[in-house]
Amino acid sequence: MLLHTLNRSPATSRVYQQALAAMGPEDRLLLVEDAVQGALPKLMRYFTGLEGRLFALREDLVARGLEGQCDPSVQIVDVDGFVLLTEEAEKTVSWY
């Protein structure tokens, strides 16, 4: 399993398409920085099919005033959770 991290919002960048195309069926996607906007219900259409494998970083949600506004299917993790995801993964791929 690979952990993919994405830092750009799907509303303003198409890099999410490259990340999704590179993902295997067991891979996970962590939304960080501006990409946490993709965890909002109105933008979840960009991440269809990732149920159970889509995460958002709490600290970045808080910094953008988005905490508590995420789609229920998104798993929220803090920095410790981010570290745990990286430990569980064979490697991490960053998409910027």
C-alpha atoms as a PDB file:
ATOM      1  CA  MET A   1       0.000   0.000   0.000  1.00  0.00           C
ATOM      2  CA  LEU A   2       1.214   3.478  -0.911  1.00  0.00           C
ATOM      3  CA  LEU A   3       0.240   6.707   0.774  1.00  0.00           C
ATOM      4  CA  HIS A   4      -0.385   9.545  -1.660  1.00  0.00           C
ATOM      5  CA  THR A   5      -0.453  13.100  -0.312  1.00  0.00           C
ATOM      6  CA  LEU A   6      -2.126  15.870  -2.261  1.00  0.00           C
ATOM      7  CA  ASN A   7      -1.701  19.551  -1.418  1.00  0.00           C
ATOM      8  CA  ARG A   8      -3.768  21.358  -4.085  1.00  0.00           C
ATOM      9  CA  SER A   9      -7.505  21.825  -4.080  1.00  0.00           C
ATOM     10  CA  PRO A  10      -9.338  19.926  -6.816  1.00  0.00           C
ATOM     11  CA  ALA A  11     -11.307  23.129  -7.412  1.00  0.00           C
ATOM     12  CA  THR A  12      -8.195  24.992  -8.604  1.00  0.00           C
ATOM     13  CA  SER A  13      -5.772  22.334  -9.880  1.00  0.00           C
ATOM     14  CA  ARG A  14      -5.950  19.168 -11.942  1.00  0.00           C
ATOM     15  CA  VAL A  15      -3.025  17.449 -10.190  1.00  0.00           C
ATOM     16  CA  TYR A  16      -5.577  15.331  -8.291  1.00  0.00           C
ATOM     17  CA  GLN A  17      -6.273  13.522 -11.595  1.00  0.00           C
ATOM     18  CA  GLN A  18      -2.642  12.404 -11.812  1.00  0.00           C
ATOM     19  CA  ALA A  19      -2.716  11.220  -8.201  1.00  0.00           C
ATOM     20  CA  LEU A  20      -5.910   9.223  -8.728  1.00  0.00           C
ATOM     21  CA  ALA A  21      -4.576   7.677 -11.948  1.00  0.00           C
ATOM     22  CA  ALA A  22      -1.446   6.515 -10.113  1.00  0.00           C
ATOM     23  CA  MET A  23      -3.294   4.993  -7.164  1.00  0.00           C
ATOM     24  CA  GLY A  24      -3.650   1.256  -6.746  1.00  0.00           C
ATOM     25  CA  PRO A  25      -6.737  -0.382  -5.249  1.00  0.00           C
ATOM     26  CA  GLU A  26      -5.246  -0.506  -1.739  1.00  0.00           C
ATOM     27  CA  ASP A  27      -3.518   2.889  -1.795  1.00  0.00           C
ATOM     28  CA  ARG A  28      -4.633   5.741   0.422  1.00  0.00           C
ATOM     29  CA  LEU A  29      -4.930   9.461  -0.278  1.00  0.00           C
ATOM     30  CA  LEU A  30      -4.246  12.110   2.355  1.00  0.00           C
ATOM     31  CA  LEU A  31      -5.442  15.655   1.652  1.00  0.00           C
ATOM     32  CA  VAL A  32      -3.139  18.308   3.124  1.00  0.00           C
ATOM     33  CA  GLU A  33      -2.797  22.080   2.879  1.00  0.00           C
ATOM     34  CA  ASP A  34      -5.319  23.499   0.326  1.00  0.00           C
ATOM     35  CA  ALA A  35      -6.331  20.006  -0.794  1.00  0.00           C
ATOM     36  CA  VAL A  36      -8.408  19.629   2.384  1.00  0.00           C
ATOM     37  CA  GLN A  37     -11.052  21.656   0.539  1.00  0.00           C
ATOM     38  CA  GLY A  38     -11.654  18.448  -1.409  1.00  0.00           C
ATOM     39  CA  ALA A  39     -13.067  16.896   1.777  1.00  0.00           C
ATOM     40  CA  LEU A  40     -16.075  19.229   1.641  1.00  0.00           C
ATOM     41  CA  PRO A  41     -19.310  17.581   0.454  1.00  0.00           C
ATOM     42  CA  LYS A  42     -19.541  19.840  -2.605  1.00  0.00           C
ATOM     43  CA  LEU A  43     -16.101  18.718  -3.847  1.00  0.00           C
ATOM     44  CA  MET A  44     -16.279  15.015  -2.951  1.00  0.00           C
ATOM     45  CA  ARG A  45     -17.273  14.200  -6.550  1.00  0.00           C
ATOM     46  CA  TYR A  46     -13.565  14.447  -7.398  1.00  0.00           C
ATOM     47  CA  PHE A  47     -12.781  11.534  -5.074  1.00  0.00           C
ATOM     48  CA  THR A  48     -15.538   9.057  -5.899  1.00  0.00           C
ATOM     49  CA  GLY A  49     -14.493   5.483  -5.219  1.00  0.00           C
ATOM     50  CA  LEU A  50     -12.052   6.277  -2.405  1.00  0.00           C
ATOM     51  CA  GLU A  51     -14.421   5.463   0.444  1.00  0.00           C
ATOM     52  CA  GLY A  52     -12.383   4.208   3.385  1.00  0.00           C
ATOM     53  CA  ARG A  53      -9.122   5.350   1.757  1.00  0.00           C
ATOM     54  CA  LEU A  54      -9.528   9.147   1.819  1.00  0.00           C
ATOM     55  CA  PHE A  55      -8.061  11.148   4.703  1.00  0.00           C
ATOM     56  CA  ALA A  56      -7.754  14.850   5.544  1.00  0.00           C
ATOM     57  CA  LEU A  57      -5.286  16.472   7.908  1.00  0.00           C
ATOM     58  CA  ARG A  58      -7.092  18.089  10.867  1.00  0.00           C
ATOM     59  CA  GLU A  59      -4.527  20.846  11.377  1.00  0.00           C
ATOM     60  CA  ASP A  60      -5.014  22.045   7.793  1.00  0.00           C
ATOM     61  CA  LEU A  61      -8.798  21.907   8.145  1.00  0.00           C
ATOM     62  CA  VAL A  62      -8.565  24.018  11.307  1.00  0.00           C
ATOM     63  CA  ALA A  63      -6.188  26.508   9.669  1.00  0.00           C
ATOM     64  CA  ARG A  64      -8.736  27.051   6.870  1.00  0.00           C
ATOM     65  CA  GLY A  65     -11.801  27.202   9.101  1.00  0.00           C
ATOM     66  CA  LEU A  66     -13.153  23.936   7.661  1.00  0.00           C
ATOM     67  CA  GLU A  67     -13.167  21.665  10.704  1.00  0.00           C
ATOM     68  CA  GLY A  68     -16.546  19.975  11.128  1.00  0.00           C
ATOM     69  CA  GLN A  69     -17.559  20.638   7.521  1.00  0.00           C
ATOM     70  CA  CYS A  70     -16.131  17.510   5.879  1.00  0.00           C
ATOM     71  CA  ASP A  71     -18.083  14.801   4.146  1.00  0.00           C
ATOM     72  CA  PRO A  72     -18.740  11.944   6.613  1.00  0.00           C
ATOM     73  CA  SER A  73     -16.842   9.496   4.398  1.00  0.00           C
ATOM     74  CA  VAL A  74     -13.548  11.378   4.904  1.00  0.00           C
ATOM     75  CA  GLN A  75     -11.369  10.143   7.749  1.00  0.00           C
ATOM     76  CA  ILE A  76      -9.849  13.034   9.686  1.00  0.00           C
ATOM     77  CA  VAL A  77      -6.349  12.493  11.076  1.00  0.00           C
ATOM     78  CA  ASP A  78      -4.052  14.702  13.116  1.00  0.00           C
ATOM     79  CA  VAL A  79      -0.274  14.872  12.715  1.00  0.00           C
ATOM     80  CA  ASP A  80       0.133  11.680  14.752  1.00  0.00           C
ATOM     81  CA  GLY A  81      -2.347   9.968  12.413  1.00  0.00           C
ATOM     82  CA  PHE A  82      -0.340  11.239   9.450  1.00  0.00           C
ATOM     83  CA  VAL A  83       2.776   9.648  10.945  1.00  0.00           C
ATOM     84  CA  LEU A  84       0.883   6.380  11.461  1.00  0.00           C
ATOM     85  CA  LEU A  85      -0.295   6.387   7.824  1.00  0.00           C
ATOM     86  CA  THR A  86       3.295   6.850   6.640  1.00  0.00           C
ATOM     87  CA  GLU A  87       4.496   4.019   8.884  1.00  0.00           C
ATOM     88  CA  GLU A  88       1.847   1.671   7.469  1.00  0.00           C
ATOM     89  CA  ALA A  89       2.719   2.526   3.861  1.00  0.00           C
ATOM     90  CA  GLU A  90       5.510   0.996   1.802  1.00  0.00           C
ATOM     91  CA  LYS A  91       6.314   4.490   0.594  1.00  0.00           C
ATOM     92  CA  THR A  92       4.768   7.934   0.299  1.00  0.00           C
ATOM     93  CA  VAL A  93       4.158   9.800  -2.952  1.00  0.00           C
ATOM     94  CA  SER A  94       3.550  13.554  -2.833  1.00  0.00           C
ATOM     95  CA  TRP A  95       1.488  15.388  -5.457  1.00  0.00           C
ATOM     96  CA  TYR A  96       2.076  19.152  -5.703  1.00  0.00           C
END
